C-alpha atoms as a PDB file:
ATOM      1  CA  UNK A   1       5.904  -3.053  -0.922  1.00  0.00           C
ATOM      2  CA  UNK A   2       8.123   0.361  -2.041  1.00  0.00           C
ATOM      3  CA  UNK A   3       8.514   3.066  -0.140  1.00  0.00           C
ATOM      4  CA  UNK A   4       7.418   6.656  -1.375  1.00  0.00           C
ATOM      5  CA  UNK A   5       9.620  10.085  -0.334  1.00  0.00           C
ATOM      6  CA  UNK A   6       8.383  11.846   2.033  1.00  0.00           C
ATOM      7  CA  UNK A   7       9.657  15.766   1.648  1.00  0.00           C
ATOM      8  CA  UNK A   8       9.773  15.990   5.764  1.00  0.00           C
ATOM      9  CA  UNK A   9       8.978  19.881   5.405  1.00  0.00           C
ATOM     10  CA  UNK A  10       6.532  19.867   4.007  1.00  0.00           C
ATOM     11  CA  UNK A  11       4.483  16.345   5.102  1.00  0.00           C
ATOM     12  CA  UNK A  12       3.429  15.369   1.539  1.00  0.00           C
ATOM     13  CA  UNK A  13       4.279  12.921  -1.058  1.00  0.00           C
ATOM     14  CA  UNK A  14       3.728  12.397  -5.223  1.00  0.00           C
ATOM     15  CA  UNK A  15       2.389   9.867  -5.963  1.00  0.00           C
ATOM     16  CA  UNK A  16       1.749   8.404  -9.443  1.00  0.00           C
ATOM     17  CA  UNK A  17      -1.963   8.269  -9.909  1.00  0.00           C
ATOM     18  CA  UNK A  18      -1.978   6.428 -13.553  1.00  0.00           C
ATOM     19  CA  UNK A  19      -0.409   3.047 -10.920  1.00  0.00           C
ATOM     20  CA  UNK A  20      -3.286   1.071  -9.894  1.00  0.00           C
ATOM     21  CA  UNK A  21      -2.034   0.488  -6.697  1.00  0.00           C
ATOM     22  CA  UNK A  22      -2.714   0.684  -2.184  1.00  0.00           C
ATOM     23  CA  UNK A  23      -0.640   3.207  -0.118  1.00  0.00           C
ATOM     24  CA  UNK A  24      -0.914   2.831   3.035  1.00  0.00           C
ATOM     25  CA  UNK A  25       0.870   5.966   5.325  1.00  0.00           C
ATOM     26  CA  UNK A  26       1.282   5.313   8.581  1.00  0.00           C
ATOM     27  CA  UNK A  27       3.625   7.715  11.564  1.00  0.00           C
ATOM     28  CA  UNK A  28       4.197   9.686   8.393  1.00  0.00           C
ATOM     29  CA  UNK A  29       5.493   6.802   6.117  1.00  0.00           C
ATOM     30  CA  UNK A  30       3.355   6.350   3.417  1.00  0.00           C
ATOM     31  CA  UNK A  31       4.746   2.746   1.495  1.00  0.00           C
ATOM     32  CA  UNK A  32       2.668   1.210  -2.344  1.00  0.00           C
ATOM     33  CA  UNK A  33       1.193  -1.975  -2.134  1.00  0.00           C
ATOM     34  CA  UNK A  34       0.885  -2.499  -5.800  1.00  0.00           C
ATOM     35  CA  UNK A  35      -1.855  -4.640  -7.792  1.00  0.00           C
ATOM     36  CA  UNK A  36      -1.074  -8.892  -6.895  1.00  0.00           C
ATOM     37  CA  UNK A  37       0.773 -10.226 -10.158  1.00  0.00           C
ATOM     38  CA  UNK A  38      -1.858 -13.047 -11.491  1.00  0.00           C
ATOM     39  CA  UNK A  39      -4.167  -9.992 -11.301  1.00  0.00           C
ATOM     40  CA  UNK A  40      -5.478 -11.291  -8.230  1.00  0.00           C
ATOM     41  CA  UNK A  41      -5.836 -11.042  -4.992  1.00  0.00           C
ATOM     42  CA  UNK A  42      -7.069  -8.892  -2.234  1.00  0.00           C
ATOM     43  CA  UNK A  43      -4.983  -6.549   0.697  1.00  0.00           C
ATOM     44  CA  UNK A  44      -5.888  -5.987   3.574  1.00  0.00           C
ATOM     45  CA  UNK A  45      -5.286  -3.499   6.280  1.00  0.00           C
ATOM     46  CA  UNK A  46      -5.270  -4.232  10.035  1.00  0.00           C
ATOM     47  CA  UNK A  47      -6.134  -1.444  12.218  1.00  0.00           C
ATOM     48  CA  UNK A  48      -5.302  -0.796  15.507  1.00  0.00           C
ATOM     49  CA  UNK A  49      -5.858   1.997  17.965  1.00  0.00           C
ATOM     50  CA  UNK A  50      -6.282   4.114  15.073  1.00  0.00           C
ATOM     51  CA  UNK A  51      -2.953   3.228  13.617  1.00  0.00           C
ATOM     52  CA  UNK A  52      -1.540   0.639  11.177  1.00  0.00           C
ATOM     53  CA  UNK A  53      -0.496  -2.573  12.547  1.00  0.00           C
ATOM     54  CA  UNK A  54      -0.591  -4.914   9.439  1.00  0.00           C
ATOM     55  CA  UNK A  55      -1.412  -5.139   5.494  1.00  0.00           C
ATOM     56  CA  UNK A  56      -1.721  -8.501   4.618  1.00  0.00           C
ATOM     57  CA  UNK A  57      -1.484  -8.845   0.519  1.00  0.00           C
ATOM     58  CA  UNK A  58      -2.713 -12.550  -0.436  1.00  0.00           C
ATOM     59  CA  UNK A  59      -2.459 -13.189  -4.456  1.00  0.00           C
ATOM     60  CA  UNK A  60      -5.278 -15.282  -5.702  1.00  0.00           C
ATOM     61  CA  UNK A  61      -4.111 -18.706  -8.000  1.00  0.00           C
ATOM     62  CA  UNK A  62      -6.171 -18.783 -11.578  1.00  0.00           C
ATOM     63  CA  UNK A  63      -7.394 -21.892 -12.544  1.00  0.00           C
ATOM     64  CA  UNK A  64      -7.448 -22.181 -16.321  1.00  0.00           C
END
């Protein structure tokens, strides 16, 4: 996860649309979750009363 800077005056953030990622906005903060390194997995977002409470990132091992 990495934080994306937010312009406080305009409340806008710039994201890189060439990167495959999931962006979560919560209480004015923007967090970027990149794809799993194996290329397989899932990101699950937990909500409570309209606010993100958890982000669970799971990576799946690929058997060859």
